[in-house]
C-alpha atoms as a PDB file:
ATOM      1  CA  UNK A   1      22.130 -30.597  39.612  1.00  0.00           C
ATOM      2  CA  UNK A   2      20.581 -34.487  39.618  1.00  0.00           C
ATOM      3  CA  UNK A   3      20.044 -36.149  36.533  1.00  0.00           C
ATOM      4  CA  UNK A   4      16.055 -35.300  36.180  1.00  0.00           C
ATOM      5  CA  UNK A   5      17.182 -31.871  36.660  1.00  0.00           C
ATOM      6  CA  UNK A   6      19.756 -31.717  33.855  1.00  0.00           C
ATOM      7  CA  UNK A   7      17.367 -33.393  31.567  1.00  0.00           C
ATOM      8  CA  UNK A   8      14.546 -30.621  32.226  1.00  0.00           C
ATOM      9  CA  UNK A   9      17.466 -27.975  31.811  1.00  0.00           C
ATOM     10  CA  UNK A  10      18.726 -29.548  28.442  1.00  0.00           C
ATOM     11  CA  UNK A  11      14.786 -29.706  27.609  1.00  0.00           C
ATOM     12  CA  UNK A  12      14.585 -26.063  28.138  1.00  0.00           C
ATOM     13  CA  UNK A  13      17.494 -25.265  26.506  1.00  0.00           C
ATOM     14  CA  UNK A  14      16.278 -27.137  23.352  1.00  0.00           C
ATOM     15  CA  UNK A  15      12.984 -25.046  23.825  1.00  0.00           C
ATOM     16  CA  UNK A  16      10.871 -28.763  24.029  1.00  0.00           C
ATOM     17  CA  UNK A  17       8.477 -26.903  26.358  1.00  0.00           C
ATOM     18  CA  UNK A  18       7.882 -24.080  23.755  1.00  0.00           C
ATOM     19  CA  UNK A  19       7.031 -26.199  20.453  1.00  0.00           C
ATOM     20  CA  UNK A  20       6.050 -23.237  18.325  1.00  0.00           C
ATOM     21  CA  UNK A  21       9.435 -23.212  16.235  1.00  0.00           C
ATOM     22  CA  UNK A  22       8.689 -26.795  15.628  1.00  0.00           C
ATOM     23  CA  UNK A  23       5.649 -26.065  14.251  1.00  0.00           C
ATOM     24  CA  UNK A  24       6.686 -23.061  12.200  1.00  0.00           C
ATOM     25  CA  UNK A  25       9.620 -25.019  10.618  1.00  0.00           C
ATOM     26  CA  UNK A  26       7.309 -28.104  10.252  1.00  0.00           C
ATOM     27  CA  UNK A  27       4.427 -26.863   8.285  1.00  0.00           C
ATOM     28  CA  UNK A  28       6.408 -25.473   5.059  1.00  0.00           C
ATOM     29  CA  UNK A  29       8.539 -28.700   4.917  1.00  0.00           C
ATOM     30  CA  UNK A  30       5.072 -30.208   5.014  1.00  0.00           C
ATOM     31  CA  UNK A  31       3.790 -28.470   2.200  1.00  0.00           C
ATOM     32  CA  UNK A  32       7.028 -29.255   0.249  1.00  0.00           C
ATOM     33  CA  UNK A  33       6.209 -32.803   0.876  1.00  0.00           C
ATOM     34  CA  UNK A  34       2.517 -33.119  -0.302  1.00  0.00           C
ATOM     35  CA  UNK A  35       3.278 -30.810  -3.595  1.00  0.00           C
ATOM     36  CA  UNK A  36       6.475 -33.336  -4.362  1.00  0.00           C
ATOM     37  CA  UNK A  37       4.269 -36.477  -3.898  1.00  0.00           C
ATOM     38  CA  UNK A  38       1.105 -34.969  -4.967  1.00  0.00           C
ATOM     39  CA  UNK A  39      -0.560 -36.199  -1.872  1.00  0.00           C
ATOM     40  CA  UNK A  40       0.668 -38.641   0.929  1.00  0.00           C
ATOM     41  CA  UNK A  41       4.716 -39.011   0.637  1.00  0.00           C
ATOM     42  CA  UNK A  42       6.160 -42.191   1.652  1.00  0.00           C
ATOM     43  CA  UNK A  43       5.882 -43.069   5.195  1.00  0.00           C
ATOM     44  CA  UNK A  44       9.518 -43.520   5.922  1.00  0.00           C
ATOM     45  CA  UNK A  45      10.363 -39.895   4.383  1.00  0.00           C
ATOM     46  CA  UNK A  46       7.639 -38.251   6.221  1.00  0.00           C
ATOM     47  CA  UNK A  47       9.021 -40.016   9.725  1.00  0.00           C
ATOM     48  CA  UNK A  48      12.359 -38.879   8.886  1.00  0.00           C
ATOM     49  CA  UNK A  49      11.508 -35.430   7.875  1.00  0.00           C
ATOM     50  CA  UNK A  50       9.173 -35.051  11.389  1.00  0.00           C
ATOM     51  CA  UNK A  51      12.114 -36.253  13.466  1.00  0.00           C
ATOM     52  CA  UNK A  52      14.554 -34.431  11.866  1.00  0.00           C
ATOM     53  CA  UNK A  53      12.697 -31.036  11.865  1.00  0.00           C
ATOM     54  CA  UNK A  54      12.291 -31.450  15.817  1.00  0.00           C
ATOM     55  CA  UNK A  55      15.959 -32.261  16.290  1.00  0.00           C
ATOM     56  CA  UNK A  56      17.295 -29.469  14.063  1.00  0.00           C
ATOM     57  CA  UNK A  57      15.149 -26.721  15.354  1.00  0.00           C
ATOM     58  CA  UNK A  58      16.067 -28.152  18.664  1.00  0.00           C
ATOM     59  CA  UNK A  59      20.096 -27.773  17.867  1.00  0.00           C
ATOM     60  CA  UNK A  60      19.139 -24.276  16.451  1.00  0.00           C
ATOM     61  CA  UNK A  61      17.339 -23.203  19.868  1.00  0.00           C
ATOM     62  CA  UNK A  62      20.855 -24.553  21.871  1.00  0.00           C
ATOM     63  CA  UNK A  63      23.256 -22.411  19.015  1.00  0.00           C
ATOM     64  CA  UNK A  64      20.958 -19.731  19.616  1.00  0.00           C
ATOM     65  CA  UNK A  65      21.227 -19.296  22.991  1.00  0.00           C
ATOM     66  CA  UNK A  66      25.082 -20.180  23.067  1.00  0.00           C
ATOM     67  CA  UNK A  67      25.438 -16.865  20.658  1.00  0.00           C
ATOM     68  CA  UNK A  68      23.321 -15.115  22.723  1.00  0.00           C
ATOM     69  CA  UNK A  69      24.698 -16.127  26.002  1.00  0.00           C
ATOM     70  CA  UNK A  70      26.190 -12.273  26.629  1.00  0.00           C
ATOM     71  CA  UNK A  71      22.879 -10.775  25.297  1.00  0.00           C
ATOM     72  CA  UNK A  72      20.111 -12.733  26.993  1.00  0.00           C
ATOM     73  CA  UNK A  73      20.456 -11.773  30.521  1.00  0.00           C
ATOM     74  CA  UNK A  74      19.854  -8.164  29.592  1.00  0.00           C
ATOM     75  CA  UNK A  75      16.547  -9.026  27.488  1.00  0.00           C
ATOM     76  CA  UNK A  76      13.341  -9.221  29.567  1.00  0.00           C
ATOM     77  CA  UNK A  77      11.867 -12.286  27.758  1.00  0.00           C
ATOM     78  CA  UNK A  78      15.348 -14.363  27.590  1.00  0.00           C
ATOM     79  CA  UNK A  79      16.911 -13.603  30.991  1.00  0.00           C
ATOM     80  CA  UNK A  80      15.917 -17.023  32.803  1.00  0.00           C
ATOM     81  CA  UNK A  81      16.874 -19.127  30.000  1.00  0.00           C
ATOM     82  CA  UNK A  82      19.221 -21.885  31.243  1.00  0.00           C
ATOM     83  CA  UNK A  83      22.430 -20.278  29.634  1.00  0.00           C
ATOM     84  CA  UNK A  84      21.501 -16.798  30.405  1.00  0.00           C
ATOM     85  CA  UNK A  85      20.792 -18.132  34.170  1.00  0.00           C
ATOM     86  CA  UNK A  86      24.251 -19.847  34.377  1.00  0.00           C
ATOM     87  CA  UNK A  87      22.622 -23.356  34.540  1.00  0.00           C
ATOM     88  CA  UNK A  88      24.432 -24.756  31.307  1.00  0.00           C
ATOM     89  CA  UNK A  89      27.970 -24.373  30.376  1.00  0.00           C
ATOM     90  CA  UNK A  90      29.319 -23.352  26.768  1.00  0.00           C
ATOM     91  CA  UNK A  91      30.938 -26.739  26.508  1.00  0.00           C
ATOM     92  CA  UNK A  92      27.732 -28.730  27.145  1.00  0.00           C
ATOM     93  CA  UNK A  93      25.392 -26.467  25.023  1.00  0.00           C
ATOM     94  CA  UNK A  94      27.789 -27.075  21.918  1.00  0.00           C
ATOM     95  CA  UNK A  95      28.199 -30.801  22.970  1.00  0.00           C
ATOM     96  CA  UNK A  96      24.441 -30.938  22.641  1.00  0.00           C
ATOM     97  CA  UNK A  97      23.926 -29.386  19.463  1.00  0.00           C
ATOM     98  CA  UNK A  98      26.599 -30.939  17.798  1.00  0.00           C
ATOM     99  CA  UNK A  99      24.831 -34.407  19.127  1.00  0.00           C
ATOM    100  CA  UNK A 100      21.562 -32.998  17.903  1.00  0.00           C
ATOM    101  CA  UNK A 101      23.001 -31.990  14.553  1.00  0.00           C
ATOM    102  CA  UNK A 102      24.689 -35.556  14.157  1.00  0.00           C
ATOM    103  CA  UNK A 103      21.274 -37.326  14.991  1.00  0.00           C
ATOM    104  CA  UNK A 104      19.550 -35.424  12.156  1.00  0.00           C
ATOM    105  CA  UNK A 105      22.479 -36.235   9.541  1.00  0.00           C
ATOM    106  CA  UNK A 106      22.317 -39.641  10.343  1.00  0.00           C
ATOM    107  CA  UNK A 107      18.605 -39.864  10.273  1.00  0.00           C
ATOM    108  CA  UNK A 108      18.935 -38.721   6.360  1.00  0.00           C
ATOM    109  CA  UNK A 109      21.376 -41.121   5.599  1.00  0.00           C
ATOM    110  CA  UNK A 110      19.175 -43.997   4.061  1.00  0.00           C
ATOM    111  CA  UNK A 111      17.744 -41.134   1.599  1.00  0.00           C
ATOM    112  CA  UNK A 112      19.273 -40.098  -1.976  1.00  0.00           C
ATOM    113  CA  UNK A 113      22.456 -38.249  -2.579  1.00  0.00           C
ATOM    114  CA  UNK A 114      20.931 -35.087  -3.601  1.00  0.00           C
ATOM    115  CA  UNK A 115      19.174 -35.079  -0.296  1.00  0.00           C
ATOM    116  CA  UNK A 116      21.809 -35.649   1.902  1.00  0.00           C
ATOM    117  CA  UNK A 117      23.992 -32.812  -0.332  1.00  0.00           C
ATOM    118  CA  UNK A 118      21.379 -30.530   0.418  1.00  0.00           C
ATOM    119  CA  UNK A 119      21.751 -31.012   4.420  1.00  0.00           C
ATOM    120  CA  UNK A 120      25.196 -29.410   4.403  1.00  0.00           C
ATOM    121  CA  UNK A 121      23.840 -25.990   3.361  1.00  0.00           C
ATOM    122  CA  UNK A 122      20.941 -26.439   5.604  1.00  0.00           C
ATOM    123  CA  UNK A 123      23.122 -27.011   8.675  1.00  0.00           C
ATOM    124  CA  UNK A 124      25.476 -24.239   7.450  1.00  0.00           C
ATOM    125  CA  UNK A 125      22.372 -21.868   7.765  1.00  0.00           C
ATOM    126  CA  UNK A 126      21.010 -23.178  11.049  1.00  0.00           C
ATOM    127  CA  UNK A 127      24.198 -22.722  12.751  1.00  0.00           C
ATOM    128  CA  UNK A 128      24.940 -19.298  11.368  1.00  0.00           C
ATOM    129  CA  UNK A 129      21.701 -17.491  11.742  1.00  0.00           C
ATOM    130  CA  UNK A 130      22.082 -16.656  15.229  1.00  0.00           C
ATOM    131  CA  UNK A 131      25.155 -14.467  14.889  1.00  0.00           C
ATOM    132  CA  UNK A 132      23.989 -12.603  11.807  1.00  0.00           C
ATOM    133  CA  UNK A 133      22.250 -10.179  14.379  1.00  0.00           C
ATOM    134  CA  UNK A 134      25.494  -8.701  15.089  1.00  0.00           C
ATOM    135  CA  UNK A 135      25.759  -7.317  11.830  1.00  0.00           C
ATOM    136  CA  UNK A 136      22.808  -7.890   9.153  1.00  0.00           C
ATOM    137  CA  UNK A 137      20.089  -5.394   9.316  1.00  0.00           C
ATOM    138  CA  UNK A 138      17.456  -8.040   8.253  1.00  0.00           C
ATOM    139  CA  UNK A 139      18.572 -11.193  10.117  1.00  0.00           C
ATOM    140  CA  UNK A 140      14.793 -12.407   9.899  1.00  0.00           C
ATOM    141  CA  UNK A 141      15.487 -12.644   5.938  1.00  0.00           C
ATOM    142  CA  UNK A 142      18.427 -15.078   6.622  1.00  0.00           C
ATOM    143  CA  UNK A 143      16.452 -16.984   8.896  1.00  0.00           C
ATOM    144  CA  UNK A 144      13.393 -17.325   6.075  1.00  0.00           C
ATOM    145  CA  UNK A 145      16.367 -18.994   4.003  1.00  0.00           C
ATOM    146  CA  UNK A 146      16.872 -21.592   6.774  1.00  0.00           C
ATOM    147  CA  UNK A 147      13.304 -22.064   7.974  1.00  0.00           C
ATOM    148  CA  UNK A 148      12.597 -22.966   4.106  1.00  0.00           C
ATOM    149  CA  UNK A 149      15.354 -25.481   3.279  1.00  0.00           C
ATOM    150  CA  UNK A 150      13.270 -28.190   4.388  1.00  0.00           C
ATOM    151  CA  UNK A 151      11.403 -27.468   1.059  1.00  0.00           C
ATOM    152  CA  UNK A 152      14.009 -28.382  -1.425  1.00  0.00           C
ATOM    153  CA  UNK A 153      14.874 -31.356   0.874  1.00  0.00           C
ATOM    154  CA  UNK A 154      11.467 -32.478   0.939  1.00  0.00           C
ATOM    155  CA  UNK A 155      11.234 -32.524  -2.909  1.00  0.00           C
ATOM    156  CA  UNK A 156      14.938 -33.905  -2.973  1.00  0.00           C
ATOM    157  CA  UNK A 157      13.993 -36.793  -1.162  1.00  0.00           C
ATOM    158  CA  UNK A 158      10.468 -37.831  -2.627  1.00  0.00           C
ATOM    159  CA  UNK A 159      11.361 -37.039  -6.396  1.00  0.00           C
ATOM    160  CA  UNK A 160      15.268 -37.023  -6.340  1.00  0.00           C
ATOM    161  CA  UNK A 161      14.724 -33.497  -8.118  1.00  0.00           C
ATOM    162  CA  UNK A 162      14.338 -29.914  -7.662  1.00  0.00           C
ATOM    163  CA  UNK A 163      11.611 -28.376  -9.969  1.00  0.00           C
ATOM    164  CA  UNK A 164      10.969 -24.852 -10.524  1.00  0.00           C
ATOM    165  CA  UNK A 165       8.022 -24.922  -7.711  1.00  0.00           C
ATOM    166  CA  UNK A 166      10.905 -25.646  -5.331  1.00  0.00           C
ATOM    167  CA  UNK A 167      12.247 -22.195  -5.184  1.00  0.00           C
ATOM    168  CA  UNK A 168       8.875 -20.377  -5.643  1.00  0.00           C
ATOM    169  CA  UNK A 169       7.516 -22.397  -2.649  1.00  0.00           C
ATOM    170  CA  UNK A 170      10.764 -21.235  -0.628  1.00  0.00           C
ATOM    171  CA  UNK A 171      10.105 -17.792  -1.717  1.00  0.00           C
ATOM    172  CA  UNK A 172       6.747 -17.684  -0.270  1.00  0.00           C
ATOM    173  CA  UNK A 173       7.778 -19.141   3.002  1.00  0.00           C
ATOM    174  CA  UNK A 174      10.519 -16.416   2.874  1.00  0.00           C
ATOM    175  CA  UNK A 175       8.030 -13.579   2.970  1.00  0.00           C
ATOM    176  CA  UNK A 176       6.098 -15.448   5.798  1.00  0.00           C
ATOM    177  CA  UNK A 177       8.915 -15.849   8.087  1.00  0.00           C
ATOM    178  CA  UNK A 178       9.989 -12.648   7.859  1.00  0.00           C
ATOM    179  CA  UNK A 179       6.439 -11.026   8.852  1.00  0.00           C
ATOM    180  CA  UNK A 180       6.150 -13.284  11.701  1.00  0.00           C
ATOM    181  CA  UNK A 181       9.674 -12.957  12.878  1.00  0.00           C
ATOM    182  CA  UNK A 182       9.394  -9.179  12.854  1.00  0.00           C
ATOM    183  CA  UNK A 183       6.187  -9.419  14.895  1.00  0.00           C
ATOM    184  CA  UNK A 184       8.212 -11.536  17.159  1.00  0.00           C
ATOM    185  CA  UNK A 185      11.200  -9.142  16.890  1.00  0.00           C
ATOM    186  CA  UNK A 186       8.852  -5.932  18.032  1.00  0.00           C
ATOM    187  CA  UNK A 187       8.216  -7.962  21.280  1.00  0.00           C
ATOM    188  CA  UNK A 188      12.402  -7.271  22.134  1.00  0.00           C
ATOM    189  CA  UNK A 189      12.629  -3.890  20.383  1.00  0.00           C
ATOM    190  CA  UNK A 190      13.097  -1.855  23.336  1.00  0.00           C
ATOM    191  CA  UNK A 191      15.704  -4.275  24.959  1.00  0.00           C
ATOM    192  CA  UNK A 192      17.477  -5.128  21.302  1.00  0.00           C
ATOM    193  CA  UNK A 193      17.927  -1.071  20.837  1.00  0.00           C
ATOM    194  CA  UNK A 194      19.704  -0.668  24.268  1.00  0.00           C
ATOM    195  CA  UNK A 195      21.724  -3.479  23.534  1.00  0.00           C
ATOM    196  CA  UNK A 196      22.480  -2.648  19.952  1.00  0.00           C
ATOM    197  CA  UNK A 197      21.655  -5.525  18.013  1.00  0.00           C
ATOM    198  CA  UNK A 198      20.037  -5.662  14.677  1.00  0.00           C
ATOM    199  CA  UNK A 199      16.477  -6.567  13.702  1.00  0.00           C
ATOM    200  CA  UNK A 200      13.936  -6.157  10.777  1.00  0.00           C
ATOM    201  CA  UNK A 201      11.478  -4.450  13.549  1.00  0.00           C
ATOM    202  CA  UNK A 202      14.276  -1.917  14.209  1.00  0.00           C
ATOM    203  CA  UNK A 203      15.522  -1.682  10.556  1.00  0.00           C
ATOM    204  CA  UNK A 204      11.905  -1.092   9.313  1.00  0.00           C
ATOM    205  CA  UNK A 205      11.267   2.008  12.099  1.00  0.00           C
ATOM    206  CA  UNK A 206       8.084   3.172  12.106  1.00  0.00           C
ATOM    207  CA  UNK A 207       7.040   1.220   9.364  1.00  0.00           C
ATOM    208  CA  UNK A 208       7.609  -2.419  10.980  1.00  0.00           C
ATOM    209  CA  UNK A 209       3.651  -3.034  10.889  1.00  0.00           C
ATOM    210  CA  UNK A 210       3.424  -2.340   7.246  1.00  0.00           C
ATOM    211  CA  UNK A 211       6.538  -4.373   6.612  1.00  0.00           C
ATOM    212  CA  UNK A 212       4.829  -7.287   8.294  1.00  0.00           C
ATOM    213  CA  UNK A 213       1.503  -7.113   6.580  1.00  0.00           C
ATOM    214  CA  UNK A 214       3.098  -6.195   3.172  1.00  0.00           C
ATOM    215  CA  UNK A 215       4.975  -9.847   3.402  1.00  0.00           C
ATOM    216  CA  UNK A 216       1.938 -11.103   4.704  1.00  0.00           C
ATOM    217  CA  UNK A 217       0.482 -10.216   1.335  1.00  0.00           C
ATOM    218  CA  UNK A 218       3.216 -11.215  -0.731  1.00  0.00           C
ATOM    219  CA  UNK A 219       3.270 -15.086   0.867  1.00  0.00           C
ATOM    220  CA  UNK A 220      -0.510 -15.167   0.223  1.00  0.00           C
ATOM    221  CA  UNK A 221      -0.263 -13.895  -3.372  1.00  0.00           C
ATOM    222  CA  UNK A 222       2.911 -16.128  -4.367  1.00  0.00           C
ATOM    223  CA  UNK A 223       0.873 -19.405  -2.830  1.00  0.00           C
ATOM    224  CA  UNK A 224      -2.014 -18.332  -5.054  1.00  0.00           C
ATOM    225  CA  UNK A 225       0.341 -18.103  -8.200  1.00  0.00           C
ATOM    226  CA  UNK A 226       1.663 -21.801  -6.950  1.00  0.00           C
ATOM    227  CA  UNK A 227      -2.185 -22.934  -6.927  1.00  0.00           C
ATOM    228  CA  UNK A 228      -2.820 -21.890 -10.412  1.00  0.00           C
ATOM    229  CA  UNK A 229       0.450 -23.117 -11.559  1.00  0.00           C
ATOM    230  CA  UNK A 230      -0.043 -26.954 -10.090  1.00  0.00           C
ATOM    231  CA  UNK A 231      -3.668 -26.732 -10.966  1.00  0.00           C
ATOM    232  CA  UNK A 232      -4.910 -27.023  -7.686  1.00  0.00           C
ATOM    233  CA  UNK A 233      -8.854 -26.784  -6.929  1.00  0.00           C
ATOM    234  CA  UNK A 234     -11.267 -25.454  -4.010  1.00  0.00           C
ATOM    235  CA  UNK A 235     -10.031 -26.829  -1.034  1.00  0.00           C
ATOM    236  CA  UNK A 236      -6.441 -25.342  -1.470  1.00  0.00           C
ATOM    237  CA  UNK A 237      -8.056 -21.816  -1.985  1.00  0.00           C
ATOM    238  CA  UNK A 238     -10.159 -22.344   0.886  1.00  0.00           C
ATOM    239  CA  UNK A 239      -7.121 -22.832   3.119  1.00  0.00           C
ATOM    240  CA  UNK A 240      -5.556 -19.545   1.557  1.00  0.00           C
ATOM    241  CA  UNK A 241      -8.787 -17.744   2.313  1.00  0.00           C
ATOM    242  CA  UNK A 242      -8.715 -18.916   5.995  1.00  0.00           C
ATOM    243  CA  UNK A 243      -5.382 -17.906   6.102  1.00  0.00           C
ATOM    244  CA  UNK A 244      -5.704 -14.637   4.981  1.00  0.00           C
ATOM    245  CA  UNK A 245      -8.691 -14.087   7.538  1.00  0.00           C
ATOM    246  CA  UNK A 246      -6.099 -15.189  10.228  1.00  0.00           C
ATOM    247  CA  UNK A 247      -3.478 -12.781   8.815  1.00  0.00           C
ATOM    248  CA  UNK A 248      -6.177  -9.727   8.924  1.00  0.00           C
ATOM    249  CA  UNK A 249      -6.744 -10.733  12.532  1.00  0.00           C
ATOM    250  CA  UNK A 250      -2.945 -10.558  13.407  1.00  0.00           C
ATOM    251  CA  UNK A 251      -2.904  -6.873  11.941  1.00  0.00           C
ATOM    252  CA  UNK A 252      -5.420  -6.263  14.627  1.00  0.00           C
ATOM    253  CA  UNK A 253      -2.635  -7.677  17.262  1.00  0.00           C
ATOM    254  CA  UNK A 254       0.201  -5.834  15.961  1.00  0.00           C
ATOM    255  CA  UNK A 255      -1.080  -2.388  15.137  1.00  0.00           C
ATOM    256  CA  UNK A 256      -0.566  -0.802  18.501  1.00  0.00           C
ATOM    257  CA  UNK A 257       2.841  -2.600  18.993  1.00  0.00           C
ATOM    258  CA  UNK A 258       1.821  -3.789  22.396  1.00  0.00           C
ATOM    259  CA  UNK A 259       4.253  -6.307  23.130  1.00  0.00           C
ATOM    260  CA  UNK A 260       2.317  -8.955  24.610  1.00  0.00           C
ATOM    261  CA  UNK A 261      -0.240  -8.689  21.427  1.00  0.00           C
ATOM    262  CA  UNK A 262       2.730  -9.113  19.158  1.00  0.00           C
ATOM    263  CA  UNK A 263       3.930 -12.357  20.819  1.00  0.00           C
ATOM    264  CA  UNK A 264       0.557 -13.637  20.621  1.00  0.00           C
ATOM    265  CA  UNK A 265       0.283 -12.324  16.848  1.00  0.00           C
ATOM    266  CA  UNK A 266       3.794 -14.423  16.318  1.00  0.00           C
ATOM    267  CA  UNK A 267       2.347 -17.564  17.941  1.00  0.00           C
ATOM    268  CA  UNK A 268      -0.837 -17.479  16.179  1.00  0.00           C
ATOM    269  CA  UNK A 269       1.110 -18.017  12.689  1.00  0.00           C
ATOM    270  CA  UNK A 270       0.916 -21.592  13.594  1.00  0.00           C
ATOM    271  CA  UNK A 271      -2.611 -21.668  12.774  1.00  0.00           C
ATOM    272  CA  UNK A 272      -1.874 -19.951   9.533  1.00  0.00           C
ATOM    273  CA  UNK A 273       0.652 -22.837   8.522  1.00  0.00           C
ATOM    274  CA  UNK A 274      -1.317 -25.219   9.544  1.00  0.00           C
ATOM    275  CA  UNK A 275      -4.629 -24.161   7.440  1.00  0.00           C
ATOM    276  CA  UNK A 276      -2.526 -23.789   4.468  1.00  0.00           C
ATOM    277  CA  UNK A 277      -1.295 -27.298   4.806  1.00  0.00           C
ATOM    278  CA  UNK A 278      -4.840 -28.592   5.534  1.00  0.00           C
ATOM    279  CA  UNK A 279      -5.519 -26.960   2.202  1.00  0.00           C
ATOM    280  CA  UNK A 280      -2.986 -28.366   0.471  1.00  0.00           C
ATOM    281  CA  UNK A 281      -3.500 -32.099   1.570  1.00  0.00           C
ATOM    282  CA  UNK A 282      -7.617 -31.875   1.536  1.00  0.00           C
ATOM    283  CA  UNK A 283      -6.911 -30.749  -2.328  1.00  0.00           C
ATOM    284  CA  UNK A 284      -4.778 -33.798  -3.402  1.00  0.00           C
ATOM    285  CA  UNK A 285      -7.043 -36.094  -1.248  1.00  0.00           C
ATOM    286  CA  UNK A 286     -10.189 -34.898  -2.753  1.00  0.00           C
ATOM    287  CA  UNK A 287      -9.447 -34.261  -6.200  1.00  0.00           C
ATOM    288  CA  UNK A 288      -6.632 -36.429  -6.481  1.00  0.00           C
ATOM    289  CA  UNK A 289      -4.543 -34.487  -9.366  1.00  0.00           C
END
């Protein structure tokens, strides 16, 4: 394999050709940063967190494929991934994951001590999530905690504190992650049942669609509570109304459990995260809390 092919293979292993995971990790971190700064955050903190999100999500994908290297060849959606297809060795994957994680850690060193301390559990969660599918009935909940850790880190970096809103925003995001990742798990449900791994879609059984929608409703309700508490205005709630409309559309996609449409619903959550962020950003911009 020449250098160009190797770079292309590594980028596929990091899923740089499929940025949906970066975006789903990015939006809640940006919500946190804007709430923490009550508007536009410090530019250097914003730069560090956006780049760090890309590096950590890439590292998470590499670790995930390493953990699933014996499983992925038997799943229709993943059988052509670089490790499953034998194009990347375990040693290469571990070195790449270590390099990406190390790069993300170096990025936050200029920030305060609280942010650096929070990076330790964040790295632990990202590194261990892929293995939870072996024994945990709801690995999507574990992923939700991992995908929410950008929120306290954002508050720590911007304010050097962890106010109560941090935990409530994490809880909202936890429900959102469970919702969209259960829709994602519905895509692989037939393969996962054969292999014997655990997902929320399997655990919920015939109530998988209901479970997705209940989690979405919890997400929107908690975001409304946050809006009341933070004295947000019209732009914020307009963003939540649009997000609720997008979620209602997702119900039409997943209700019959068609694999292609469930995957479409999962991808569609990028727009949910975006409109919530736009609502937050516009609210602080227009109404100057």
